[in-house]
N, C-alpha and C. Protein backbone atom coordinates (compact mmCIF):
# COMPACT_ATOMS: atom_id res chain seq x y z
N MET A 1 0.82 -1.17 0.00
CA MET A 1 -0.10 0.03 0.00
C MET A 1 0.92 1.19 -0.06
N SER A 2 0.41 2.20 -0.93
CA SER A 2 1.23 3.47 -0.75
C SER A 2 0.14 4.52 -0.38
N THR A 3 0.69 5.67 0.23
CA THR A 3 -0.05 6.77 0.63
C THR A 3 0.55 8.07 0.33
N VAL A 4 -0.20 9.03 -0.13
CA VAL A 4 0.19 10.37 -0.46
C VAL A 4 -0.69 11.27 0.34
N THR A 5 -0.19 12.17 0.98
CA THR A 5 -0.92 13.16 1.74
C THR A 5 -0.39 14.55 1.43
N VAL A 6 -1.23 15.56 1.26
CA VAL A 6 -0.96 16.91 0.92
C VAL A 6 -1.82 17.81 1.81
N THR A 7 -1.45 18.91 2.48
CA THR A 7 -2.25 19.83 3.12
C THR A 7 -2.09 21.08 2.63
N GLN A 8 -3.05 21.96 2.55
CA GLN A 8 -2.92 23.56 2.21
C GLN A 8 -3.89 24.16 3.29
N PHE A 9 -3.42 25.40 3.68
CA PHE A 9 -4.19 26.13 4.49
C PHE A 9 -4.86 27.35 3.49
N ILE A 10 -6.18 27.32 3.67
CA ILE A 10 -7.01 28.27 2.79
C ILE A 10 -7.90 29.19 3.50
N GLN A 11 -7.70 30.39 3.22
CA GLN A 11 -8.44 31.47 3.90
C GLN A 11 -9.79 31.59 3.58
N ALA A 12 -10.59 30.56 4.03
CA ALA A 12 -11.96 30.45 3.79
C ALA A 12 -12.61 29.54 4.87
N PRO A 13 -13.96 29.64 5.22
CA PRO A 13 -14.60 28.72 6.10
C PRO A 13 -14.69 27.52 5.44
N ALA A 14 -14.76 26.50 6.36
CA ALA A 14 -14.85 24.97 5.84
C ALA A 14 -16.17 24.85 5.05
N VAL A 15 -17.28 25.46 5.50
CA VAL A 15 -18.60 25.24 4.84
C VAL A 15 -18.50 25.88 3.35
N ASP A 16 -17.67 26.82 3.17
CA ASP A 16 -17.58 27.35 1.80
C ASP A 16 -16.95 26.26 0.86
N LEU A 17 -15.77 25.89 1.55
CA LEU A 17 -14.94 24.93 0.80
C LEU A 17 -15.63 23.67 0.42
N TRP A 18 -16.52 23.14 1.53
CA TRP A 18 -17.21 21.99 1.38
C TRP A 18 -18.27 22.11 0.31
N ARG A 19 -18.92 23.27 0.14
CA ARG A 19 -20.00 23.45 -0.85
C ARG A 19 -19.28 23.33 -2.20
N LEU A 20 -18.11 23.75 -2.38
CA LEU A 20 -17.36 23.64 -3.76
C LEU A 20 -17.20 22.08 -3.96
N LEU A 21 -16.68 21.53 -2.97
CA LEU A 21 -16.17 20.06 -3.06
C LEU A 21 -17.38 19.14 -3.56
N VAL A 22 -18.47 19.32 -2.98
CA VAL A 22 -19.66 18.47 -3.17
C VAL A 22 -20.57 18.96 -4.29
N ASP A 23 -20.27 20.06 -4.92
CA ASP A 23 -21.04 20.53 -6.09
C ASP A 23 -20.46 19.83 -7.27
N LEU A 24 -20.81 18.64 -7.55
CA LEU A 24 -20.15 17.78 -8.62
C LEU A 24 -20.34 18.40 -10.06
N PRO A 25 -21.52 18.96 -10.43
CA PRO A 25 -21.62 19.46 -11.72
C PRO A 25 -20.52 20.65 -11.89
N ALA A 26 -20.24 21.45 -10.81
CA ALA A 26 -19.39 22.66 -10.93
C ALA A 26 -17.92 22.20 -10.92
N ARG A 27 -17.62 21.04 -10.69
CA ARG A 27 -16.09 20.66 -10.64
C ARG A 27 -15.30 21.04 -11.76
N ALA A 28 -15.90 20.98 -12.97
CA ALA A 28 -15.16 21.32 -14.16
C ALA A 28 -15.00 22.79 -14.24
N ASP A 29 -15.74 23.71 -13.51
CA ASP A 29 -15.68 25.06 -13.61
C ASP A 29 -14.41 25.51 -12.73
N TRP A 30 -14.11 24.69 -11.62
CA TRP A 30 -13.03 25.29 -10.79
C TRP A 30 -11.84 24.45 -10.76
N LEU A 31 -11.85 23.17 -11.18
CA LEU A 31 -10.68 22.33 -11.19
C LEU A 31 -9.93 22.46 -12.72
N CYS A 32 -8.92 22.96 -12.73
CA CYS A 32 -8.33 23.36 -14.19
C CYS A 32 -8.10 22.13 -14.91
N THR A 33 -7.82 20.94 -14.38
CA THR A 33 -7.60 19.88 -15.15
C THR A 33 -8.73 19.08 -15.55
N VAL A 34 -9.91 19.43 -14.95
CA VAL A 34 -11.29 18.50 -15.17
C VAL A 34 -11.91 19.17 -16.23
N GLY A 35 -12.14 18.38 -17.39
CA GLY A 35 -12.88 18.91 -18.43
C GLY A 35 -14.42 18.63 -18.52
N GLN A 36 -14.77 17.48 -17.84
CA GLN A 36 -16.08 17.00 -17.97
C GLN A 36 -16.36 16.25 -16.67
N VAL A 37 -17.60 16.40 -16.28
CA VAL A 37 -18.09 15.61 -15.05
C VAL A 37 -19.55 15.00 -15.52
N GLU A 38 -19.67 13.74 -15.34
CA GLU A 38 -20.85 13.05 -15.67
C GLU A 38 -21.41 12.39 -14.39
N LEU A 39 -22.55 12.72 -13.89
CA LEU A 39 -23.13 12.24 -12.73
C LEU A 39 -23.59 10.88 -13.13
N LEU A 40 -23.46 9.91 -12.46
CA LEU A 40 -23.70 8.47 -12.66
C LEU A 40 -25.01 8.00 -11.64
N THR A 41 -25.29 8.80 -10.66
CA THR A 41 -26.44 8.53 -9.82
C THR A 41 -27.13 9.88 -9.52
N PRO A 42 -28.38 9.89 -9.36
CA PRO A 42 -29.13 11.20 -9.19
C PRO A 42 -29.15 11.58 -7.67
N GLY A 43 -29.45 12.72 -7.36
CA GLY A 43 -29.77 13.13 -6.02
C GLY A 43 -28.55 14.00 -5.52
N GLN A 44 -28.77 14.31 -4.15
CA GLN A 44 -27.70 14.95 -3.41
C GLN A 44 -26.48 13.96 -3.16
N LEU A 45 -25.29 14.59 -2.92
CA LEU A 45 -24.16 13.87 -2.60
C LEU A 45 -24.26 13.20 -1.29
N ALA A 46 -24.11 11.88 -1.23
CA ALA A 46 -24.23 10.98 -0.19
C ALA A 46 -23.54 9.75 -0.33
N PRO A 47 -23.22 8.94 0.70
CA PRO A 47 -22.64 7.63 0.43
C PRO A 47 -23.40 6.80 -0.68
N GLY A 48 -22.59 6.34 -1.77
CA GLY A 48 -23.19 5.79 -2.90
C GLY A 48 -23.26 6.59 -4.12
N THR A 49 -23.22 7.92 -3.93
CA THR A 49 -23.09 8.81 -5.05
C THR A 49 -21.93 8.57 -5.97
N ALA A 50 -22.11 8.48 -7.16
CA ALA A 50 -21.10 8.15 -8.20
C ALA A 50 -20.97 9.18 -9.29
N TRP A 51 -19.76 9.41 -9.92
CA TRP A 51 -19.63 10.29 -11.00
C TRP A 51 -18.37 9.93 -11.79
N ARG A 52 -18.34 10.28 -12.92
CA ARG A 52 -17.01 10.09 -13.88
C ARG A 52 -16.62 11.54 -14.19
N GLU A 53 -15.27 11.77 -13.98
CA GLU A 53 -14.71 13.06 -14.47
C GLU A 53 -13.57 12.66 -15.35
N THR A 54 -13.40 13.57 -16.43
CA THR A 54 -12.40 13.37 -17.31
C THR A 54 -11.34 14.46 -17.05
N ARG A 55 -10.15 14.11 -16.90
CA ARG A 55 -9.13 14.90 -16.33
C ARG A 55 -8.06 15.13 -17.80
N THR A 56 -7.43 16.21 -17.91
CA THR A 56 -6.47 16.45 -18.89
C THR A 56 -5.11 15.96 -18.44
N ARG A 57 -4.51 14.88 -19.03
CA ARG A 57 -3.12 14.54 -18.74
C ARG A 57 -2.08 15.51 -19.21
N PRO A 58 -0.80 15.29 -18.67
CA PRO A 58 0.16 16.17 -19.01
C PRO A 58 0.60 16.14 -20.45
N ASP A 59 0.27 15.00 -21.13
CA ASP A 59 0.57 14.97 -22.64
C ASP A 59 -0.64 15.48 -23.46
N GLY A 60 -1.65 16.03 -22.68
CA GLY A 60 -2.84 16.74 -23.47
C GLY A 60 -3.93 15.81 -23.76
N GLY A 61 -3.85 14.43 -23.54
CA GLY A 61 -4.87 13.53 -23.66
C GLY A 61 -5.88 13.62 -22.45
N GLY A 62 -6.77 12.83 -22.57
CA GLY A 62 -7.88 12.94 -21.42
C GLY A 62 -7.99 11.51 -20.69
N GLN A 63 -8.29 11.53 -19.46
CA GLN A 63 -8.29 10.24 -18.71
C GLN A 63 -9.61 10.30 -17.84
N ALA A 64 -10.48 9.39 -18.12
CA ALA A 64 -11.60 9.28 -17.28
C ALA A 64 -11.46 8.49 -15.94
N GLU A 65 -12.04 8.92 -14.88
CA GLU A 65 -11.94 8.16 -13.69
C GLU A 65 -13.32 8.27 -12.92
N GLU A 66 -13.72 7.12 -12.47
CA GLU A 66 -15.05 7.15 -11.76
C GLU A 66 -14.80 7.13 -10.30
N PHE A 67 -15.59 7.94 -9.54
CA PHE A 67 -15.50 8.02 -8.06
C PHE A 67 -16.81 7.66 -7.52
N VAL A 68 -16.77 7.02 -6.31
CA VAL A 68 -17.92 6.75 -5.55
C VAL A 68 -17.77 7.27 -4.05
N VAL A 69 -18.72 8.02 -3.55
CA VAL A 69 -18.68 8.54 -2.21
C VAL A 69 -18.87 7.31 -1.18
N LEU A 70 -17.85 7.16 -0.32
CA LEU A 70 -17.99 6.19 0.85
C LEU A 70 -18.62 6.75 2.04
N GLU A 71 -18.05 8.06 2.36
CA GLU A 71 -18.54 8.69 3.50
C GLU A 71 -18.64 10.23 3.22
N ALA A 72 -19.59 10.99 3.77
CA ALA A 72 -19.69 12.37 3.59
C ALA A 72 -20.13 12.90 5.03
N VAL A 73 -19.19 13.67 5.62
CA VAL A 73 -19.68 14.33 7.01
C VAL A 73 -19.42 15.80 6.85
N PRO A 74 -20.58 16.59 6.33
CA PRO A 74 -20.34 17.93 6.07
C PRO A 74 -20.10 18.74 7.37
N PRO A 75 -19.32 19.73 7.36
CA PRO A 75 -18.33 20.07 6.29
C PRO A 75 -16.88 19.65 6.63
N ARG A 76 -16.82 18.45 7.07
CA ARG A 76 -15.54 18.15 7.73
C ARG A 76 -14.81 16.99 6.88
N ARG A 77 -15.48 15.99 6.30
CA ARG A 77 -14.74 14.85 5.72
C ARG A 77 -15.59 14.16 4.59
N LEU A 78 -14.78 13.89 3.60
CA LEU A 78 -15.30 13.33 2.27
C LEU A 78 -14.41 12.20 1.94
N VAL A 79 -14.92 10.94 1.82
CA VAL A 79 -14.26 9.81 1.49
C VAL A 79 -14.65 9.30 0.23
N LEU A 80 -13.71 9.11 -0.68
CA LEU A 80 -14.19 8.62 -1.94
C LEU A 80 -13.37 7.43 -2.37
N THR A 81 -13.77 6.54 -3.33
CA THR A 81 -13.09 5.34 -3.68
C THR A 81 -13.10 5.35 -5.28
N SER A 82 -12.12 4.89 -5.83
CA SER A 82 -11.99 4.82 -7.33
C SER A 82 -11.17 3.68 -7.60
N LEU A 83 -11.40 3.02 -8.77
CA LEU A 83 -10.55 1.85 -9.13
C LEU A 83 -9.65 2.08 -10.20
N GLY A 84 -8.37 1.64 -10.24
CA GLY A 84 -7.45 1.67 -11.25
C GLY A 84 -7.13 0.33 -11.79
N ILE A 85 -6.16 0.30 -12.71
CA ILE A 85 -5.75 -0.99 -13.10
C ILE A 85 -4.92 -1.78 -12.14
N GLY A 86 -5.50 -2.71 -11.50
CA GLY A 86 -4.88 -3.52 -10.47
C GLY A 86 -4.67 -2.78 -9.12
N VAL A 87 -5.41 -1.72 -9.00
CA VAL A 87 -5.22 -0.92 -7.75
C VAL A 87 -6.66 -0.34 -7.27
N SER A 88 -7.02 -0.17 -6.04
CA SER A 88 -8.05 0.34 -5.36
C SER A 88 -7.59 1.57 -4.74
N TYR A 89 -8.20 2.81 -5.12
CA TYR A 89 -7.73 4.22 -4.36
C TYR A 89 -8.85 4.59 -3.44
N ARG A 90 -8.42 5.07 -2.25
CA ARG A 90 -9.26 5.68 -1.30
C ARG A 90 -8.64 6.92 -1.10
N THR A 91 -9.56 8.03 -1.43
CA THR A 91 -9.09 9.41 -1.19
C THR A 91 -9.94 10.02 -0.18
N THR A 92 -9.30 10.73 0.81
CA THR A 92 -10.04 11.34 1.95
C THR A 92 -9.72 12.83 1.97
N TRP A 93 -10.78 13.65 1.89
CA TRP A 93 -10.62 15.11 2.09
C TRP A 93 -11.06 15.38 3.51
N THR A 94 -10.20 16.11 4.33
CA THR A 94 -10.57 16.60 5.59
C THR A 94 -10.38 18.06 5.62
N LEU A 95 -11.24 18.77 6.41
CA LEU A 95 -11.40 20.21 6.40
C LEU A 95 -11.45 20.49 7.99
N HIS A 96 -10.38 21.23 8.56
CA HIS A 96 -10.32 21.64 9.89
C HIS A 96 -10.19 23.05 10.02
N THR A 97 -10.96 23.71 10.86
CA THR A 97 -10.69 25.19 10.98
C THR A 97 -9.51 25.44 12.01
N VAL A 98 -8.56 26.24 11.64
CA VAL A 98 -7.46 26.49 12.48
C VAL A 98 -7.06 27.94 12.53
N ARG A 99 -6.35 28.40 13.49
CA ARG A 99 -5.90 29.70 13.64
C ARG A 99 -4.50 29.84 13.10
N ARG A 100 -4.21 30.68 12.14
CA ARG A 100 -2.81 30.67 11.55
C ARG A 100 -2.60 32.34 11.33
N ARG A 101 -1.56 32.74 11.80
CA ARG A 101 -1.24 34.18 11.73
C ARG A 101 -2.39 34.98 12.34
N ARG A 102 -2.97 34.56 13.41
CA ARG A 102 -3.95 35.23 14.16
C ARG A 102 -5.19 35.34 13.40
N ARG A 103 -5.35 34.51 12.36
CA ARG A 103 -6.66 34.50 11.56
C ARG A 103 -7.09 33.08 11.40
N SER A 104 -8.50 33.08 11.30
CA SER A 104 -9.10 31.68 10.97
C SER A 104 -8.89 31.29 9.59
N CYS A 105 -8.67 30.08 9.46
CA CYS A 105 -8.49 29.48 7.99
C CYS A 105 -8.96 28.05 8.03
N THR A 106 -8.92 27.30 6.91
CA THR A 106 -9.16 25.96 7.00
C THR A 106 -8.05 25.10 6.46
N ALA A 107 -7.56 24.18 7.16
CA ALA A 107 -6.52 23.33 6.84
C ALA A 107 -7.16 22.31 6.00
N VAL A 108 -6.92 22.15 4.65
CA VAL A 108 -7.57 21.06 3.82
C VAL A 108 -6.43 20.08 3.57
N THR A 109 -6.72 18.82 3.92
CA THR A 109 -5.81 17.70 3.62
C THR A 109 -6.52 16.69 2.75
N VAL A 110 -5.74 16.20 1.81
CA VAL A 110 -6.06 15.21 0.84
C VAL A 110 -5.11 14.14 1.08
N ARG A 111 -5.73 13.01 1.35
CA ARG A 111 -4.83 11.68 1.49
C ARG A 111 -5.45 10.64 0.51
N GLN A 112 -4.53 10.13 -0.24
CA GLN A 112 -4.86 8.91 -1.09
C GLN A 112 -4.08 7.63 -0.63
N GLU A 113 -4.79 6.57 -0.59
CA GLU A 113 -4.20 5.26 -0.03
C GLU A 113 -4.46 4.50 -1.37
N ALA A 114 -3.31 3.66 -1.91
CA ALA A 114 -3.54 2.86 -3.02
C ALA A 114 -3.25 1.52 -2.59
N VAL A 115 -4.23 0.56 -2.82
CA VAL A 115 -4.04 -0.84 -2.38
C VAL A 115 -4.09 -1.70 -3.64
N SER A 116 -3.11 -2.56 -3.88
CA SER A 116 -3.07 -3.50 -5.02
C SER A 116 -4.28 -4.33 -4.79
N THR A 117 -4.91 -4.72 -5.90
CA THR A 117 -5.99 -5.66 -6.01
C THR A 117 -5.73 -6.84 -6.79
N ALA A 118 -4.62 -6.78 -7.49
CA ALA A 118 -4.15 -7.85 -8.41
C ALA A 118 -2.59 -8.02 -8.31
N PRO A 119 -2.09 -9.20 -8.58
CA PRO A 119 -0.65 -9.45 -8.27
C PRO A 119 0.13 -8.46 -9.16
N TYR A 120 -0.23 -8.19 -10.47
CA TYR A 120 0.48 -7.19 -11.26
C TYR A 120 0.48 -5.85 -10.78
N GLY A 121 -0.66 -5.55 -9.87
CA GLY A 121 -0.62 -4.18 -9.29
C GLY A 121 0.55 -3.98 -8.28
N ARG A 122 0.82 -4.95 -7.61
CA ARG A 122 2.03 -4.94 -6.64
C ARG A 122 3.43 -4.77 -7.45
N VAL A 123 3.47 -5.53 -8.62
CA VAL A 123 4.81 -5.31 -9.48
C VAL A 123 4.78 -3.95 -10.04
N LEU A 124 3.67 -3.35 -10.51
CA LEU A 124 3.59 -2.06 -10.97
C LEU A 124 4.00 -1.07 -9.96
N ALA A 125 3.53 -1.25 -8.60
CA ALA A 125 3.81 -0.39 -7.46
C ALA A 125 5.31 -0.35 -7.20
N LEU A 126 5.89 -1.54 -7.23
CA LEU A 126 7.31 -1.78 -7.14
C LEU A 126 8.18 -0.78 -8.16
N LEU A 127 7.77 -1.05 -9.39
CA LEU A 127 8.41 -0.43 -10.36
C LEU A 127 8.21 1.12 -10.55
N PHE A 128 7.00 1.52 -10.36
CA PHE A 128 6.58 2.91 -10.69
C PHE A 128 5.96 3.72 -9.43
N GLY A 129 6.18 3.08 -8.27
CA GLY A 129 5.44 3.68 -7.14
C GLY A 129 5.87 5.10 -6.89
N GLY A 130 7.21 5.30 -6.84
CA GLY A 130 7.76 6.66 -6.30
C GLY A 130 7.32 7.66 -7.36
N LEU A 131 7.44 7.22 -8.58
CA LEU A 131 7.00 8.36 -9.75
C LEU A 131 5.41 8.57 -9.72
N ALA A 132 4.73 7.49 -9.43
CA ALA A 132 3.27 7.76 -9.34
C ALA A 132 2.92 8.55 -8.17
N ALA A 133 3.59 8.40 -7.11
CA ALA A 133 3.33 9.17 -5.80
C ALA A 133 3.57 10.62 -6.14
N ARG A 134 4.72 10.91 -6.76
CA ARG A 134 5.09 12.32 -7.09
C ARG A 134 4.02 12.92 -8.06
N ALA A 135 3.51 12.23 -8.89
CA ALA A 135 2.42 12.66 -9.90
C ALA A 135 1.15 12.94 -9.08
N VAL A 136 0.73 12.06 -8.14
CA VAL A 136 -0.48 12.23 -7.39
C VAL A 136 -0.39 13.36 -6.55
N GLU A 137 0.86 13.62 -5.87
CA GLU A 137 1.17 14.78 -5.08
C GLU A 137 0.88 16.09 -5.81
N GLY A 138 1.47 16.10 -7.03
CA GLY A 138 1.51 17.25 -7.87
C GLY A 138 -0.07 17.61 -8.23
N ALA A 139 -0.71 16.55 -8.45
CA ALA A 139 -2.19 16.69 -8.92
C ALA A 139 -2.99 17.22 -7.67
N PHE A 140 -2.63 16.80 -6.58
CA PHE A 140 -3.32 17.22 -5.40
C PHE A 140 -3.13 18.79 -4.91
N ARG A 141 -1.72 18.98 -5.15
CA ARG A 141 -1.39 20.48 -5.04
C ARG A 141 -2.16 21.35 -5.83
N ARG A 142 -2.30 21.00 -7.12
CA ARG A 142 -2.94 21.68 -8.20
C ARG A 142 -4.48 21.89 -7.78
N ASP A 143 -5.08 20.78 -7.36
CA ASP A 143 -6.46 20.77 -6.92
C ASP A 143 -6.76 21.75 -5.85
N LEU A 144 -5.79 21.67 -4.78
CA LEU A 144 -5.95 22.48 -3.58
C LEU A 144 -5.75 23.92 -4.14
N ALA A 145 -4.89 24.22 -4.91
CA ALA A 145 -4.59 25.71 -5.41
C ALA A 145 -5.88 26.18 -6.17
N ASP A 146 -6.49 25.26 -7.03
CA ASP A 146 -7.73 25.53 -7.71
C ASP A 146 -8.85 25.78 -6.71
N LEU A 147 -8.91 24.98 -5.61
CA LEU A 147 -10.02 25.18 -4.63
C LEU A 147 -9.78 26.49 -3.92
N ALA A 148 -8.52 27.00 -3.59
CA ALA A 148 -8.28 28.20 -3.04
C ALA A 148 -8.76 29.36 -3.91
N ARG A 149 -8.35 29.31 -5.23
CA ARG A 149 -8.72 30.31 -6.09
C ARG A 149 -10.26 30.28 -6.33
N ALA A 150 -10.98 29.22 -6.36
CA ALA A 150 -12.41 29.25 -6.55
C ALA A 150 -13.17 29.91 -5.54
N VAL A 151 -12.74 29.67 -4.18
CA VAL A 151 -13.40 30.21 -3.06
C VAL A 151 -13.11 31.70 -2.84
N ASP A 152 -11.96 32.13 -3.18
CA ASP A 152 -11.48 33.54 -3.04
C ASP A 152 -10.38 33.96 -4.09
N PRO A 153 -10.67 34.17 -5.25
CA PRO A 153 -9.57 34.53 -6.30
C PRO A 153 -8.63 35.58 -5.82
N ALA A 154 -9.10 36.68 -5.17
CA ALA A 154 -8.16 37.71 -4.74
C ALA A 154 -7.18 37.19 -3.64
N ALA A 155 -7.58 36.51 -2.58
CA ALA A 155 -6.73 35.76 -1.65
C ALA A 155 -5.90 34.85 -2.19
N ALA A 156 -6.31 34.00 -3.21
CA ALA A 156 -5.42 33.13 -3.67
C ALA A 156 -4.19 33.75 -4.47
N ALA A 157 -4.53 34.82 -5.23
CA ALA A 157 -3.50 35.60 -5.88
C ALA A 157 -2.50 36.22 -4.96
N GLU A 158 -3.05 36.71 -3.75
CA GLU A 158 -2.10 37.33 -2.77
C GLU A 158 -1.18 36.21 -2.20
N ALA A 159 -1.64 34.96 -1.99
CA ALA A 159 -0.86 33.95 -1.33
C ALA A 159 0.14 33.35 -2.32
N ALA A 160 -0.02 33.57 -3.62
CA ALA A 160 0.85 32.86 -4.52
C ALA A 160 2.22 33.61 -4.67
């Protein structure tokens, strides 16, 4: 199993960040690498909600990935699962209000755990695990920066 964790402090209340995270149709509006979101289940976001999003790869191509909500605790915790080739991913978003530089902000942490589901998944993890972890970390950093910009474009520009 491999794990990647990234945290960013965002100058916004957790409820505002949560609202963006769970507004699935709007993900393509604020995530710079997401071109399309297709809802696979109707209704409000809750355990069992599923969607497919197409992300732009570094080579310019697209890659579709399906997500299913395992747990949703507004506005604190969102746990998703997705399947890769020979790997099961569990991604957890946590939001905690903290004091930083005498101001309230939200510490947003994204943690992904990858578990091999097939023997070749273990082999691929041994061969490409470090490279994959760096790619996932970079993607999470972009997603968190996009989240900060979406909730407050002026504050995100000042922090950059």
